[in-house]
Amino acid sequence: MISSTDLLAAFFIGLGSSAHCFGMCGGIAASFATGAQSRGLSSALLFNSGRLISYAILGGLAGFLVSGMSMQMSSLQFAVRCLAGLMLIAMGLYISGWWYGLSRLEKLAMPLWRKIQPAIAQLQKRGGLGRFIVLGLLWGFLPCGLIYSSLIWASASGTAFSSATLMVFMGLGTLPALLSVGYFGGQLLRAPLLRKVSGVLLILYGFWTLVVPVQHLYMYSQMMEEGEGSHQMNY
C-alpha cells in the first residue's frame, strides 16, 4: 500500500522533471507541450491526458512484472527496494544539477526515439484534436532518464496498481509547468532554488527508502550469526 509520503515524493519527481524537460532535453519535450498549448486549452488537456495514461500504463506494466517475480524470489524485493532508493538519490542529484549520470539512460534509449520520430512527425501534420492524446501517449517513450528511473522506483511499491498510481502522480507534478508553457512556467522551474530544494527532498527520501532493506539485511545477518552460534554450542 502506498503512503501519502510516496505520493508526495512522486509529485516532487514530476515537478523537478519539468525543469529537466525545459533545461536539459534540448527542447524536444517542451516543443510537444508548446505545440499543444498553442492550439488551445482543449488540445493541451488532451495532450497531458495522453501523457498521464502513458505513465500509468508503463507504471502498471513495471509493477506487474516486479510483483510477479517477487512472489517467486523474496530476495528480489530486497534488491528492487535498494535500487529504488539509489534511483531516488540519483534523481535528486540530477534534478538539483549536482550529477548528470542518468543522462546515460537517455543515450541508451535514443535508437527507440529515432524509430518513433517519423510517426510523431506525421501526427503533427494531421488535423483533429485526437492526435494530441496520441502525441501525449508517445511522450512516455521519450529518451528520459528521469522517467525510466521513476519506473524503477515506482515498481518497488509492490503492485501494478500502486506503481501506476505513483507514475500518474509523477505526471501530475509536471502539469503546472506544461499547462503554462511560456515565461512563467519556464522561468519558475528553471529557478536554481526550487530545483535544489526538490533534489534535496528526493535525496533524503531515497536514503529513507534504503532504511528498510538495510534493516532487514542487518536483522538477517544477526539471525545467521545467532544460528551459527547455537549450532556450535549444540555440537
Protein backbone atom coordinates (compact mmCIF):
# COMPACT_ATOMS: atom_id res chain seq x y z
CA MET A 1 0.00 0.00 0.00
CA ILE A 2 1.39 3.40 -0.96
CA SER A 3 1.53 6.21 1.58
CA SER A 4 0.91 9.93 1.25
CA THR A 5 4.70 10.36 1.52
CA ASP A 6 5.16 8.18 -1.56
CA LEU A 7 2.58 10.22 -3.48
CA LEU A 8 4.23 13.47 -2.43
CA ALA A 9 7.63 12.14 -3.49
CA ALA A 10 6.18 11.17 -6.89
CA PHE A 11 4.76 14.68 -7.29
CA PHE A 12 8.14 16.25 -6.47
CA ILE A 13 9.81 13.97 -9.01
CA GLY A 14 7.42 15.30 -11.64
CA LEU A 15 7.91 18.89 -10.53
CA GLY A 16 11.67 18.55 -10.77
CA SER A 17 11.41 16.67 -14.05
CA SER A 18 9.63 19.66 -15.56
CA ALA A 19 12.77 21.72 -15.09
CA HIS A 20 14.72 18.90 -16.70
CA CYS A 21 12.38 18.94 -19.71
CA PHE A 22 12.82 22.67 -20.23
CA GLY A 23 16.51 22.87 -19.46
CA MET A 24 18.16 19.58 -20.47
CA CYS A 25 16.13 17.84 -23.18
CA GLY A 26 17.21 20.13 -25.97
CA GLY A 27 13.68 21.48 -26.34
CA ILE A 28 12.24 18.17 -27.63
CA ALA A 29 9.81 17.68 -24.78
CA ALA A 30 8.96 21.36 -24.45
CA SER A 31 8.15 21.57 -28.17
CA PHE A 32 5.49 18.88 -27.72
CA ALA A 33 3.78 20.85 -24.98
CA THR A 34 4.18 24.17 -26.77
CA GLY A 35 2.58 22.79 -29.91
CA ALA A 36 -0.43 21.54 -27.96
CA GLN A 37 -0.74 24.65 -25.81
CA SER A 38 -0.65 27.00 -28.80
CA ARG A 39 -3.80 25.31 -30.19
CA GLY A 40 -5.90 25.96 -27.10
CA LEU A 41 -6.74 24.57 -23.70
CA SER A 42 -8.57 21.51 -25.05
CA SER A 43 -5.50 20.45 -27.05
CA ALA A 44 -3.25 20.92 -24.03
CA LEU A 45 -5.60 18.91 -21.80
CA LEU A 46 -5.82 16.08 -24.32
CA PHE A 47 -2.06 16.05 -24.73
CA ASN A 48 -1.43 15.90 -20.99
CA SER A 49 -4.16 13.29 -20.52
CA GLY A 50 -2.30 11.15 -23.01
CA ARG A 51 0.90 11.61 -21.02
CA LEU A 52 -0.77 10.52 -17.78
CA ILE A 53 -2.27 7.46 -19.47
CA SER A 54 1.16 6.60 -20.87
CA TYR A 55 2.79 6.86 -17.44
CA ALA A 56 0.01 4.76 -15.88
CA ILE A 57 0.45 2.02 -18.48
CA LEU A 58 4.22 1.96 -18.09
CA GLY A 59 3.95 2.01 -14.29
CA GLY A 60 1.35 -0.77 -14.27
CA LEU A 61 3.47 -2.99 -16.51
CA ALA A 62 6.62 -2.40 -14.46
CA GLY A 63 4.79 -3.04 -11.19
CA PHE A 64 3.17 -6.19 -12.56
CA LEU A 65 6.48 -7.63 -13.71
CA VAL A 66 8.31 -6.88 -10.48
CA SER A 67 5.48 -8.09 -8.21
CA GLY A 68 5.19 -11.31 -10.23
CA MET A 69 8.89 -12.01 -9.90
CA SER A 70 8.91 -11.03 -6.22
CA MET A 71 6.42 -13.81 -5.48
CA GLN A 72 9.00 -16.29 -6.75
CA MET A 73 12.08 -14.70 -5.18
CA SER A 74 11.88 -12.81 -1.89
CA SER A 75 15.44 -11.61 -2.42
CA LEU A 76 14.25 -9.70 -5.49
CA GLN A 77 12.12 -7.42 -3.31
CA PHE A 78 15.22 -6.53 -1.32
CA ALA A 79 17.19 -5.80 -4.50
CA VAL A 80 14.41 -3.73 -6.08
CA ARG A 81 13.90 -1.73 -2.89
CA CYS A 82 17.62 -0.95 -2.70
CA LEU A 83 17.69 0.00 -6.38
CA ALA A 84 14.64 2.23 -5.88
CA GLY A 85 16.36 4.10 -3.06
CA LEU A 86 19.51 4.56 -5.11
CA MET A 87 17.46 5.78 -8.08
CA LEU A 88 15.73 8.37 -5.89
CA ILE A 89 19.10 9.65 -4.75
CA ALA A 90 20.31 9.72 -8.37
CA MET A 91 17.18 11.62 -9.44
CA GLY A 92 17.68 14.11 -6.63
CA LEU A 93 21.27 14.73 -7.71
CA TYR A 94 20.17 15.00 -11.35
CA ILE A 95 17.32 17.45 -10.70
CA SER A 96 19.46 19.62 -8.42
CA GLY A 97 22.18 19.78 -11.07
CA TRP A 98 24.90 18.12 -8.98
CA TRP A 99 25.29 14.94 -11.04
CA TYR A 100 24.01 14.01 -14.52
CA GLY A 101 24.72 10.28 -14.58
CA LEU A 102 21.11 9.49 -15.50
CA SER A 103 21.69 11.08 -18.90
CA ARG A 104 23.34 7.80 -19.89
CA LEU A 105 19.91 6.15 -19.81
CA GLU A 106 18.68 8.69 -22.32
CA LYS A 107 21.55 7.86 -24.68
CA LEU A 108 20.67 4.16 -24.48
CA ALA A 109 17.08 4.96 -25.45
CA MET A 110 17.92 7.19 -28.42
CA PRO A 111 17.59 4.36 -31.01
CA LEU A 112 13.98 3.84 -29.88
CA TRP A 113 13.31 7.56 -30.10
CA ARG A 114 14.63 7.68 -33.67
CA LYS A 115 12.19 4.92 -34.64
CA ILE A 116 9.11 6.72 -33.39
CA GLN A 117 10.13 10.19 -34.63
CA PRO A 118 8.63 9.66 -38.14
CA ALA A 119 5.28 8.65 -36.65
CA ILE A 120 5.29 11.74 -34.44
CA ALA A 121 6.08 13.99 -37.41
CA GLN A 122 3.12 12.54 -39.34
CA LEU A 123 0.77 13.02 -36.39
CA GLN A 124 1.78 16.65 -36.00
CA LYS A 125 0.79 17.31 -39.62
CA ARG A 126 -2.68 15.85 -39.30
CA GLY A 127 -5.80 17.74 -38.24
CA GLY A 128 -8.20 16.98 -35.43
CA LEU A 129 -7.86 17.00 -31.68
CA GLY A 130 -7.42 13.24 -31.40
CA ARG A 131 -3.80 13.47 -32.45
CA PHE A 132 -2.88 15.33 -29.27
CA ILE A 133 -3.83 12.47 -26.97
CA VAL A 134 -1.76 10.12 -29.18
CA LEU A 135 1.19 12.52 -29.01
CA GLY A 136 0.81 12.55 -25.24
CA LEU A 137 0.87 8.75 -25.18
CA LEU A 138 4.08 8.76 -27.22
CA TRP A 139 5.64 11.11 -24.67
CA GLY A 140 6.25 8.13 -22.41
CA PHE A 141 8.75 6.76 -24.92
CA LEU A 142 10.90 9.87 -24.93
CA PRO A 143 14.53 9.08 -24.02
CA CYS A 144 14.29 10.49 -20.49
CA GLY A 145 16.42 9.06 -17.70
CA LEU A 146 14.09 10.52 -15.08
CA ILE A 147 11.05 8.69 -16.45
CA TYR A 148 12.89 5.37 -16.62
CA SER A 149 14.31 5.89 -13.13
CA SER A 150 10.84 6.75 -11.85
CA LEU A 151 9.57 3.47 -13.27
CA ILE A 152 12.22 1.52 -11.33
CA TRP A 153 11.28 3.37 -8.15
CA ALA A 154 7.51 3.01 -8.68
CA SER A 155 7.78 -0.71 -9.45
CA ALA A 156 9.18 -1.29 -5.94
CA SER A 157 5.81 -0.25 -4.46
CA GLY A 158 4.60 -3.85 -4.61
CA THR A 159 1.65 -3.96 -7.02
CA ALA A 160 0.78 -2.91 -10.55
CA PHE A 161 -1.92 -0.53 -9.27
CA SER A 162 0.33 1.27 -6.79
CA SER A 163 3.10 1.54 -9.37
CA ALA A 164 0.69 3.02 -11.92
CA THR A 165 -0.67 5.43 -9.30
CA LEU A 166 2.80 6.69 -8.42
CA MET A 167 3.58 7.29 -12.08
CA VAL A 168 0.32 9.23 -12.51
CA PHE A 169 1.25 11.45 -9.54
CA MET A 170 4.67 11.94 -11.09
CA GLY A 171 2.90 13.13 -14.24
CA LEU A 172 0.64 15.42 -12.22
CA GLY A 173 3.76 17.08 -10.85
CA THR A 174 4.67 18.18 -14.38
CA LEU A 175 1.28 19.78 -15.10
CA PRO A 176 1.90 23.21 -13.52
CA ALA A 177 4.73 23.81 -15.98
CA LEU A 178 3.40 22.10 -19.07
CA LEU A 179 -0.05 23.72 -18.82
CA SER A 180 1.58 27.13 -18.57
CA VAL A 181 4.33 26.85 -21.13
CA GLY A 182 5.94 30.22 -21.60
CA TYR A 183 7.68 32.73 -19.43
CA PHE A 184 6.25 31.83 -16.02
CA GLY A 185 6.37 28.05 -16.48
CA GLY A 186 9.87 28.01 -17.90
CA GLN A 187 11.41 30.63 -15.64
CA LEU A 188 9.88 29.28 -12.44
CA LEU A 189 11.01 25.71 -12.97
CA ARG A 190 14.49 26.78 -14.04
CA ALA A 191 14.89 28.52 -10.68
CA PRO A 192 18.01 27.03 -9.03
CA LEU A 193 16.50 27.22 -5.54
CA LEU A 194 13.37 25.25 -6.48
CA ARG A 195 15.41 22.61 -8.28
CA LYS A 196 17.83 22.23 -5.39
CA VAL A 197 15.04 22.01 -2.80
CA SER A 198 13.26 19.36 -4.88
CA GLY A 199 16.54 17.49 -5.35
CA VAL A 200 17.41 17.53 -1.64
CA LEU A 201 13.95 16.25 -0.69
CA LEU A 202 14.30 13.36 -3.15
CA ILE A 203 17.79 12.53 -1.87
CA LEU A 204 16.52 12.42 1.72
CA TYR A 205 13.57 10.26 0.68
CA GLY A 206 15.98 7.97 -1.18
CA PHE A 207 18.02 7.41 1.97
CA TRP A 208 14.80 6.80 3.91
CA THR A 209 13.77 4.22 1.28
CA LEU A 210 17.07 2.41 1.85
CA VAL A 211 16.49 2.15 5.60
CA VAL A 212 14.02 -0.75 5.39
CA PRO A 213 16.13 -3.13 3.25
CA VAL A 214 19.28 -2.27 5.23
CA GLN A 215 17.44 -3.03 8.47
CA HIS A 216 16.23 -6.35 7.06
CA LEU A 217 19.75 -7.21 5.93
CA TYR A 218 21.12 -6.39 9.38
CA MET A 219 18.44 -8.49 11.10
CA TYR A 220 19.10 -11.38 8.71
CA SER A 221 22.84 -11.27 9.40
CA GLN A 222 22.16 -11.23 13.14
CA MET A 223 19.87 -14.25 12.85
CA MET A 224 22.51 -16.08 10.83
CA GLU A 225 25.17 -15.36 13.45
CA GLU A 226 22.90 -16.50 16.27
CA GLY A 227 22.03 -19.64 14.33
CA GLU A 228 25.69 -20.48 13.76
CA GLY A 229 26.43 -19.83 17.44
CA SER A 230 23.69 -22.15 18.67
CA HIS A 231 24.79 -24.80 16.17
CA GLN A 232 28.35 -24.69 17.50
CA MET A 233 27.09 -24.96 21.10
CA ASN A 234 24.95 -27.99 20.27
CA TYR A 235 27.90 -29.58 18.53
